[in-house]
Structures are given as structure tokens and as C-alpha cells.
Amino acid sequence: MLFFFRVAEHGKENLMEARTLATVIFPTLLRPEFTSLATMGDQMNHCLFIQSCIEKCNYFFEEAENN
């Protein structure tokens, strides 16, 4: 996540903001099943979770970074 946070920090230059990164990587990390449009919409909440992890990674992973 720290890598994605660093990429998102340069979002104005590389056009890879946290939302874009989350959209790209959440299917790989969480392996959702897109069986219909309804389930696809529900799975987007997972995308928001990944986006929050990227944006707040210093909060979530602060202790691991200090060790």
C-alpha cells in the first residue's frame, strides 16, 4: 500500500490518483465475482475500501513502518 500511496502523491503528474489506482488493483486484491450488473455495483464498495487504504496508509500502516 505504501507504494500505491507514493504513486498517488504524484497523481497530478502521472494521472494515477488513489481512486484510479483502487479501480485498477481492487479486482486483483479482493477477487470479486462480477456475475451481474447488480453485483458489480455492490463490489464497488470494495474499491472504496482500497481507495481509503491508499489515501490513509500512513494511519493504517504507521506502526509497521516504524518497525
Protein backbone atom coordinates (compact mmCIF):
# COMPACT_ATOMS: atom_id res chain seq x y z
CA MET A 1 0.00 0.00 0.00
CA LEU A 2 2.87 2.37 0.70
CA PHE A 3 3.96 2.07 -2.91
CA PHE A 4 0.47 2.99 -4.15
CA PHE A 5 0.38 5.90 -1.70
CA ARG A 6 3.64 7.23 -3.14
CA VAL A 7 2.29 6.85 -6.69
CA ALA A 8 -0.91 8.69 -5.70
CA GLU A 9 1.14 11.51 -4.17
CA HIS A 10 2.27 12.33 -7.71
CA GLY A 11 -1.23 12.00 -9.15
CA LYS A 12 -1.18 15.39 -10.84
CA GLU A 13 1.82 14.36 -12.92
CA ASN A 14 1.11 10.67 -13.56
CA LEU A 15 -2.73 10.80 -13.54
CA MET A 16 -2.80 7.90 -11.08
CA GLU A 17 -4.73 9.24 -8.12
CA ALA A 18 -5.90 6.97 -5.30
CA ARG A 19 -9.30 6.42 -6.93
CA THR A 20 -7.75 5.35 -10.23
CA LEU A 21 -5.27 3.07 -8.52
CA ALA A 22 -8.02 1.48 -6.43
CA THR A 23 -10.13 0.84 -9.52
CA VAL A 24 -7.21 -0.90 -11.19
CA ILE A 25 -5.92 -3.01 -8.29
CA PHE A 26 -9.01 -3.94 -6.26
CA PRO A 27 -10.06 -6.83 -8.55
CA THR A 28 -6.61 -8.36 -8.14
CA LEU A 29 -6.52 -7.94 -4.37
CA LEU A 30 -10.09 -8.93 -3.49
CA ARG A 31 -11.09 -11.26 -6.38
CA PRO A 32 -14.73 -10.13 -6.74
CA GLU A 33 -17.22 -12.09 -8.79
CA PHE A 34 -18.95 -9.95 -11.40
CA THR A 35 -21.95 -12.13 -12.24
CA SER A 36 -24.36 -9.30 -12.99
CA LEU A 37 -24.56 -5.52 -13.04
CA ALA A 38 -26.14 -5.56 -9.58
CA THR A 39 -23.23 -7.45 -8.04
CA MET A 40 -20.80 -5.27 -9.93
CA GLY A 41 -22.29 -2.18 -8.25
CA ASP A 42 -22.07 -3.84 -4.84
CA GLN A 43 -18.42 -4.70 -5.43
CA MET A 44 -17.57 -1.04 -5.97
CA ASN A 45 -17.71 -0.63 -2.18
CA HIS A 46 -14.61 -2.79 -2.12
CA CYS A 47 -12.99 -0.32 -4.47
CA LEU A 48 -13.74 2.48 -1.99
CA PHE A 49 -12.14 0.39 0.75
CA ILE A 50 -8.92 0.04 -1.25
CA GLN A 51 -9.00 3.75 -2.08
CA SER A 52 -9.28 4.56 1.64
CA CYS A 53 -6.37 2.24 2.41
CA ILE A 54 -4.25 4.06 -0.15
CA GLU A 55 -5.24 7.54 0.99
CA LYS A 56 -4.87 6.75 4.71
CA CYS A 57 -2.00 4.29 4.53
CA ASN A 58 0.09 6.36 6.94
CA TYR A 59 -2.64 5.88 9.54
CA PHE A 60 -3.27 2.18 8.85
CA PHE A 61 0.35 1.12 8.43
CA GLU A 62 2.18 3.61 10.66
CA GLU A 63 3.26 1.02 13.24
CA ALA A 64 4.61 -1.39 10.61
CA GLU A 65 6.60 1.46 9.06
CA ASN A 66 8.29 2.27 12.39
CA ASN A 67 9.46 -1.34 12.99
